[in-house]
Amino acid sequence: MQEITKDSLQLARLEEQFASVRRDVEDLQDKMAGLHEQLAEVLAKLNEAKGGWRVLMLLGGAAAGVGASLSWVLQHVRLQ
C-alpha cells in the first residue's frame, strides 16, 4: 500500500514537471515567433535601404568627380 502511494506521488511530481516544461516550451515558441516577425521587418527595411544607398553613392561619386574636375580646371587654366 505504501509503495502505491510513493509511486502515485512520484507520478504526480513528474506530471507537474512535464506540465511546467510544456509551458516553458510554449513560451519559447511564442517568443521565437515574435523574433521571426521582427527579423522579417528588419530584412524588409534593409532591402528598402539598399536602393537608397546606391543612389547616395552615385550622387557622391558624381559630386566628387565634378569637384575634382573643377579643381583641375582652376589650377591649370589661367584666366586673364
C-alpha atoms as a PDB file:
ATOM      1  CA  MET A   1       0.000   0.000   0.000  1.00  0.00           C
ATOM      2  CA  GLN A   2       2.825   2.349   0.881  1.00  0.00           C
ATOM      3  CA  GLU A   3       4.596   1.653  -2.445  1.00  0.00           C
ATOM      4  CA  ILE A   4       1.486   2.628  -4.372  1.00  0.00           C
ATOM      5  CA  THR A   5       1.367   5.942  -2.518  1.00  0.00           C
ATOM      6  CA  LYS A   6       5.041   6.655  -3.223  1.00  0.00           C
ATOM      7  CA  ASP A   7       4.568   5.758  -6.874  1.00  0.00           C
ATOM      8  CA  SER A   8       1.496   7.956  -7.059  1.00  0.00           C
ATOM      9  CA  LEU A   9       3.410  10.870  -5.535  1.00  0.00           C
ATOM     10  CA  GLN A  10       6.308  10.407  -7.935  1.00  0.00           C
ATOM     11  CA  LEU A  11       3.896  10.225 -10.852  1.00  0.00           C
ATOM     12  CA  ALA A  12       2.152  13.407  -9.710  1.00  0.00           C
ATOM     13  CA  ARG A  13       5.525  15.194  -9.409  1.00  0.00           C
ATOM     14  CA  LEU A  14       6.565  14.040 -12.874  1.00  0.00           C
ATOM     15  CA  GLU A  15       3.254  15.186 -14.335  1.00  0.00           C
ATOM     16  CA  GLU A  16       3.721  18.627 -12.774  1.00  0.00           C
ATOM     17  CA  GLN A  17       7.288  18.854 -14.058  1.00  0.00           C
ATOM     18  CA  PHE A  18       6.138  17.825 -17.512  1.00  0.00           C
ATOM     19  CA  ALA A  19       3.401  20.458 -17.461  1.00  0.00           C
ATOM     20  CA  SER A  20       5.969  23.050 -16.408  1.00  0.00           C
ATOM     21  CA  VAL A  21       8.313  22.058 -19.227  1.00  0.00           C
ATOM     22  CA  ARG A  22       5.415  22.175 -21.692  1.00  0.00           C
ATOM     23  CA  ARG A  23       4.546  25.741 -20.587  1.00  0.00           C
ATOM     24  CA  ASP A  24       8.193  26.781 -20.953  1.00  0.00           C
ATOM     25  CA  VAL A  25       8.354  25.318 -24.455  1.00  0.00           C
ATOM     26  CA  GLU A  26       5.143  27.097 -25.456  1.00  0.00           C
ATOM     27  CA  ASP A  27       6.538  30.386 -24.118  1.00  0.00           C
ATOM     28  CA  LEU A  28       9.742  29.863 -26.109  1.00  0.00           C
ATOM     29  CA  GLN A  29       7.729  29.127 -29.237  1.00  0.00           C
ATOM     30  CA  ASP A  30       5.784  32.366 -28.787  1.00  0.00           C
ATOM     31  CA  LYS A  31       8.994  34.328 -28.285  1.00  0.00           C
ATOM     32  CA  MET A  32      10.583  32.737 -31.344  1.00  0.00           C
ATOM     33  CA  ALA A  33       7.547  33.645 -33.441  1.00  0.00           C
ATOM     34  CA  GLY A  34       7.881  37.258 -32.277  1.00  0.00           C
ATOM     35  CA  LEU A  35      11.586  37.283 -33.100  1.00  0.00           C
ATOM     36  CA  HIS A  36      10.846  35.835 -36.531  1.00  0.00           C
ATOM     37  CA  GLU A  37       8.398  38.674 -37.234  1.00  0.00           C
ATOM     38  CA  GLN A  38      10.921  41.276 -36.091  1.00  0.00           C
ATOM     39  CA  LEU A  39      13.631  39.744 -38.257  1.00  0.00           C
ATOM     40  CA  ALA A  40      11.326  39.853 -41.269  1.00  0.00           C
ATOM     41  CA  GLU A  41      10.697  43.569 -40.614  1.00  0.00           C
ATOM     42  CA  VAL A  42      14.421  44.287 -40.325  1.00  0.00           C
ATOM     43  CA  LEU A  43      15.142  42.455 -43.581  1.00  0.00           C
ATOM     44  CA  ALA A  44      12.390  44.397 -45.337  1.00  0.00           C
ATOM     45  CA  LYS A  45      13.858  47.693 -44.134  1.00  0.00           C
ATOM     46  CA  LEU A  46      17.348  46.674 -45.248  1.00  0.00           C
ATOM     47  CA  ASN A  47      16.033  45.793 -48.698  1.00  0.00           C
ATOM     48  CA  GLU A  48      14.361  49.217 -48.923  1.00  0.00           C
ATOM     49  CA  ALA A  49      17.541  50.983 -47.836  1.00  0.00           C
ATOM     50  CA  LYS A  50      19.696  49.101 -50.349  1.00  0.00           C
ATOM     51  CA  GLY A  51      18.371  51.177 -53.265  1.00  0.00           C
ATOM     52  CA  GLY A  52      18.790  54.415 -51.313  1.00  0.00           C
ATOM     53  CA  TRP A  53      22.439  53.676 -50.575  1.00  0.00           C
ATOM     54  CA  ARG A  54      23.110  53.054 -54.244  1.00  0.00           C
ATOM     55  CA  VAL A  55      21.632  56.421 -55.196  1.00  0.00           C
ATOM     56  CA  LEU A  56      23.627  58.198 -52.479  1.00  0.00           C
ATOM     57  CA  MET A  57      26.855  56.549 -53.624  1.00  0.00           C
ATOM     58  CA  LEU A  58      26.134  57.514 -57.232  1.00  0.00           C
ATOM     59  CA  LEU A  59      25.451  61.133 -56.251  1.00  0.00           C
ATOM     60  CA  GLY A  60      28.545  61.240 -54.032  1.00  0.00           C
ATOM     61  CA  GLY A  61      30.733  59.843 -56.796  1.00  0.00           C
ATOM     62  CA  ALA A  62      29.345  62.315 -59.315  1.00  0.00           C
ATOM     63  CA  ALA A  63      29.871  65.242 -56.930  1.00  0.00           C
ATOM     64  CA  ALA A  64      33.455  64.117 -56.252  1.00  0.00           C
ATOM     65  CA  GLY A  65      34.120  63.865 -59.982  1.00  0.00           C
ATOM     66  CA  VAL A  66      32.697  67.330 -60.652  1.00  0.00           C
ATOM     67  CA  GLY A  67      34.660  68.795 -57.741  1.00  0.00           C
ATOM     68  CA  ALA A  68      37.913  67.189 -58.881  1.00  0.00           C
ATOM     69  CA  SER A  69      37.371  68.370 -62.462  1.00  0.00           C
ATOM     70  CA  LEU A  70      36.607  71.911 -61.334  1.00  0.00           C
ATOM     71  CA  SER A  71      39.688  71.947 -59.134  1.00  0.00           C
ATOM     72  CA  TRP A  72      41.888  70.732 -62.008  1.00  0.00           C
ATOM     73  CA  VAL A  73      40.440  73.340 -64.366  1.00  0.00           C
ATOM     74  CA  LEU A  74      41.007  76.139 -61.853  1.00  0.00           C
ATOM     75  CA  GLN A  75      44.625  75.087 -61.299  1.00  0.00           C
ATOM     76  CA  HIS A  76      45.589  74.541 -64.960  1.00  0.00           C
ATOM     77  CA  VAL A  77      43.641  77.139 -66.862  1.00  0.00           C
ATOM     78  CA  ARG A  78      44.765  80.717 -66.477  1.00  0.00           C
ATOM     79  CA  LEU A  79      42.097  83.313 -66.581  1.00  0.00           C
ATOM     80  CA  GLN A  80      43.320  86.636 -67.995  1.00  0.00           C
END
